[in-house]
Amino acid sequence: MSNKLKQFVFWAFLLILFPAPAIVFGQPSCGDKIPALGIFEQIAQYSIWVALLLGITGILLDHKIWKRVLLFLAVLPLVGWGYVNFMIDYTRLKTDIFNHNAMAEATLANIAEAQDRYKSEQGTYIGDLRKLYSHIGGAGGMNECVKILNVQAGMDHWRSEAGHVSSPDTVIWDSRAGTSLKKG
C-alpha cells in the first residue's frame, strides 16, 4: 500500500469514528439530564405574574409609547408560559424519570444482595463503597448510569442512596424497613 493511501484510510477511519464515539467506544448513553418538574411550574407561575403586571401597568399608563412597549413586553412572558404549558410533554418526562429511578432501584437491589452476602460471611455490613463494588459483581453488577451517593452501614442495618445521572430524583434503600432486600 502506498503512503498516501494509508493516510487516506487513516483519516477516513477517523472521520467515520468521530461523529459517533459512543457507538464505537461503547460509552453508555444515559440520556439527557431531566430538570425537576417543579422548575416548569415555577417558570409558568412567574411568567404569568410578570405578564399580568406588565399588562396592567400598560393599560393604566396614559403615554402611548410606554403603553405599547409594556403591552408588547407582556407578550414575551405569555410565550414562555404557553411553551411550558403546551409544548413540554410531562407524561414522557414523568415516564423517563420513573424508568431512571427504576434503574437506580435495581442497582440498590444488587447492593442489598451484596450486603446480605457480606453480612452472612463477615457478621457486619459494608460501609466502604470500594469494598462494596468488589462484592456487587456476583449480584448482577452496577449500572454505569447510576451513581451511588451515600452508603451508611452499621452492625445491624445499612442505608444507601442512589440516583440516575439523568434523573432529578434519588432513591433510598434502608434495611430497617423489614429485611435488607426491601426498599425503605
Protein backbone atom coordinates (compact mmCIF):
# COMPACT_ATOMS: atom_id res chain seq x y z
CA MET A 1 0.00 0.00 0.00
CA SER A 2 1.26 3.44 -0.81
CA ASN A 3 1.86 6.01 1.88
CA LYS A 4 -0.87 8.36 0.56
CA LEU A 5 -3.40 5.55 0.54
CA LYS A 6 -2.53 4.69 4.15
CA GLN A 7 -3.01 8.32 5.17
CA PHE A 8 -6.33 8.45 3.33
CA VAL A 9 -7.56 5.29 5.04
CA PHE A 10 -6.42 6.60 8.42
CA TRP A 11 -8.22 9.96 8.03
CA ALA A 12 -11.32 8.32 6.57
CA PHE A 13 -11.39 5.93 9.53
CA LEU A 14 -11.13 8.87 11.97
CA LEU A 15 -13.85 10.81 10.18
CA ILE A 16 -16.16 7.81 10.40
CA LEU A 17 -15.42 7.28 14.09
CA PHE A 18 -15.50 10.91 15.17
CA PRO A 19 -19.25 11.58 14.77
CA ALA A 20 -20.28 8.52 16.80
CA PRO A 21 -17.77 7.84 19.59
CA ALA A 22 -20.47 6.45 21.90
CA ILE A 23 -21.23 3.67 19.47
CA VAL A 24 -17.65 2.84 18.62
CA PHE A 25 -16.09 3.08 22.04
CA GLY A 26 -19.01 1.58 23.97
CA GLN A 27 -19.78 4.55 26.18
CA PRO A 28 -23.16 4.25 27.88
CA SER A 29 -25.94 6.55 26.75
CA CYS A 30 -27.62 7.64 29.95
CA GLY A 31 -29.87 10.19 28.27
CA ASP A 32 -30.23 13.90 28.72
CA LYS A 33 -30.45 15.37 32.20
CA ILE A 34 -34.09 15.92 33.11
CA PRO A 35 -34.72 19.01 35.22
CA ALA A 36 -37.00 18.79 38.21
CA LEU A 37 -40.62 19.14 37.13
CA GLY A 38 -41.17 21.83 39.77
CA ILE A 39 -38.97 24.18 37.76
CA PHE A 40 -41.51 24.19 34.93
CA GLU A 41 -44.28 25.04 37.39
CA GLN A 42 -42.25 27.95 38.76
CA ILE A 43 -41.50 29.23 35.26
CA ALA A 44 -45.19 29.13 34.38
CA GLN A 45 -46.21 30.85 37.61
CA TYR A 46 -43.62 33.65 37.43
CA SER A 47 -44.17 34.28 33.73
CA ILE A 48 -47.94 34.65 34.13
CA TRP A 49 -47.48 37.08 37.04
CA VAL A 50 -44.92 39.14 35.10
CA ALA A 51 -47.22 39.22 32.06
CA LEU A 52 -50.14 40.30 34.24
CA LEU A 53 -48.08 43.01 35.93
CA LEU A 54 -46.79 44.38 32.62
CA GLY A 55 -50.24 44.21 31.05
CA ILE A 56 -51.99 46.04 33.90
CA THR A 57 -49.25 48.66 34.03
CA GLY A 58 -49.52 49.14 30.26
CA ILE A 59 -53.29 49.55 30.47
CA LEU A 60 -53.08 52.10 33.29
CA LEU A 61 -50.42 54.30 31.66
CA ASP A 62 -51.56 57.24 29.55
CA HIS A 63 -48.43 57.57 27.43
CA LYS A 64 -48.95 55.83 24.09
CA ILE A 65 -45.31 54.81 23.63
CA TRP A 66 -44.95 53.30 27.12
CA LYS A 67 -48.36 51.67 26.83
CA ARG A 68 -47.35 49.94 23.58
CA VAL A 69 -43.91 48.94 24.92
CA LEU A 70 -45.33 47.43 28.11
CA LEU A 71 -48.13 45.61 26.32
CA PHE A 72 -45.63 44.23 23.82
CA LEU A 73 -43.33 43.17 26.66
CA ALA A 74 -46.30 41.43 28.34
CA VAL A 75 -46.50 39.09 25.34
CA LEU A 76 -42.99 37.68 25.93
CA PRO A 77 -43.73 36.08 29.33
CA LEU A 78 -47.00 34.77 27.89
CA VAL A 79 -45.00 32.99 25.20
CA GLY A 80 -42.85 31.39 27.96
CA TRP A 81 -45.99 30.39 29.85
CA GLY A 82 -47.51 28.89 26.70
CA TYR A 83 -44.33 26.96 25.93
CA VAL A 84 -44.16 25.45 29.42
CA ASN A 85 -47.85 24.55 29.47
CA PHE A 86 -48.42 23.38 25.90
CA MET A 87 -45.09 22.29 24.40
CA ILE A 88 -43.46 20.24 27.17
CA ASP A 89 -44.53 16.59 27.28
CA TYR A 90 -44.93 15.99 31.01
CA THR A 91 -46.12 12.42 30.52
CA ARG A 92 -42.91 11.48 28.71
CA LEU A 93 -40.77 13.28 31.30
CA LYS A 94 -42.54 11.50 34.17
CA THR A 95 -42.13 8.16 32.38
CA ASP A 96 -38.42 8.80 31.79
CA ILE A 97 -37.91 9.81 35.43
CA PHE A 98 -39.76 6.67 36.57
CA ASN A 99 -37.58 4.46 34.33
CA HIS A 100 -34.39 6.13 35.56
CA ASN A 101 -35.47 5.70 39.17
CA ALA A 102 -36.24 2.02 38.47
CA MET A 103 -32.65 1.59 37.23
CA ALA A 104 -31.35 3.18 40.43
CA GLU A 105 -33.60 0.92 42.49
CA ALA A 106 -32.35 -2.16 40.62
CA THR A 107 -28.78 -1.13 41.39
CA LEU A 108 -29.71 -0.71 45.05
CA ALA A 109 -31.27 -4.19 44.95
CA ASN A 110 -27.89 -5.50 43.76
CA ILE A 111 -26.25 -3.68 46.66
CA ALA A 112 -28.79 -5.23 49.04
CA GLU A 113 -27.88 -8.69 47.80
CA ALA A 114 -24.17 -7.94 48.19
CA GLN A 115 -24.76 -6.52 51.68
CA ASP A 116 -26.64 -9.65 52.75
CA ARG A 117 -23.93 -11.90 51.34
CA TYR A 118 -21.21 -9.90 53.12
CA LYS A 119 -23.21 -9.83 56.39
CA SER A 120 -23.59 -13.62 56.33
CA GLU A 121 -19.83 -14.02 55.74
CA GLN A 122 -18.40 -11.28 57.99
CA GLY A 123 -21.14 -10.51 60.51
CA THR A 124 -21.41 -6.82 59.59
CA TYR A 125 -22.46 -4.67 56.66
CA ILE A 126 -20.10 -2.92 54.25
CA GLY A 127 -19.74 0.82 54.68
CA ASP A 128 -16.82 1.31 52.30
CA LEU A 129 -18.01 1.92 48.75
CA ARG A 130 -14.86 0.48 47.15
CA LYS A 131 -15.21 -2.75 49.08
CA LEU A 132 -18.89 -2.85 48.18
CA TYR A 133 -18.12 -2.60 44.45
CA SER A 134 -16.00 -5.75 44.67
CA HIS A 135 -18.91 -7.69 46.20
CA ILE A 136 -21.54 -6.45 43.76
CA GLY A 137 -20.12 -8.28 40.74
CA GLY A 138 -21.90 -11.53 41.56
CA ALA A 139 -25.15 -9.75 42.35
CA GLY A 140 -25.70 -8.51 38.81
CA GLY A 141 -23.26 -5.63 38.70
CA MET A 142 -23.61 -1.89 38.66
CA ASN A 143 -25.34 0.24 36.06
CA GLU A 144 -22.91 2.82 34.65
CA CYS A 145 -25.63 5.46 34.62
CA VAL A 146 -26.43 5.10 38.34
CA LYS A 147 -24.32 6.92 40.91
CA ILE A 148 -24.20 5.67 44.49
CA LEU A 149 -24.47 8.88 46.50
CA ASN A 150 -24.27 7.59 50.03
CA VAL A 151 -23.73 4.33 51.90
CA GLN A 152 -24.09 4.15 55.68
CA ALA A 153 -23.57 0.83 57.39
CA GLY A 154 -23.68 -0.34 60.96
CA MET A 155 -23.60 -3.70 62.65
CA ASP A 156 -27.30 -4.42 62.27
CA HIS A 157 -28.53 -2.15 59.45
CA TRP A 158 -27.45 -0.24 56.37
CA ARG A 159 -28.82 2.61 54.29
CA SER A 160 -27.91 3.62 50.77
CA GLU A 161 -28.90 6.41 48.41
CA ALA A 162 -28.50 6.33 44.64
CA GLY A 163 -29.61 8.35 41.67
CA HIS A 164 -29.57 8.00 37.92
CA VAL A 165 -27.39 10.68 36.33
CA SER A 166 -30.31 11.84 34.16
CA SER A 167 -32.98 11.85 36.85
CA PRO A 168 -33.63 14.72 39.26
CA ASP A 169 -34.71 12.25 41.96
CA THR A 170 -32.78 9.95 44.28
CA VAL A 171 -33.78 6.53 45.56
CA ILE A 172 -33.16 5.48 49.18
CA TRP A 173 -32.86 1.89 50.35
CA ASP A 174 -32.97 1.20 54.08
CA SER A 175 -32.52 -2.27 55.57
CA ARG A 176 -34.57 -1.33 58.66
CA ALA A 177 -37.76 -1.43 56.55
CA GLY A 178 -38.25 -5.17 57.15
CA THR A 179 -35.34 -7.00 55.57
CA SER A 180 -32.39 -5.52 53.75
CA LEU A 181 -33.87 -6.76 50.49
CA LYS A 182 -36.89 -4.49 50.87
CA LYS A 183 -36.84 -0.90 49.78
CA GLY A 184 -37.21 1.68 52.52
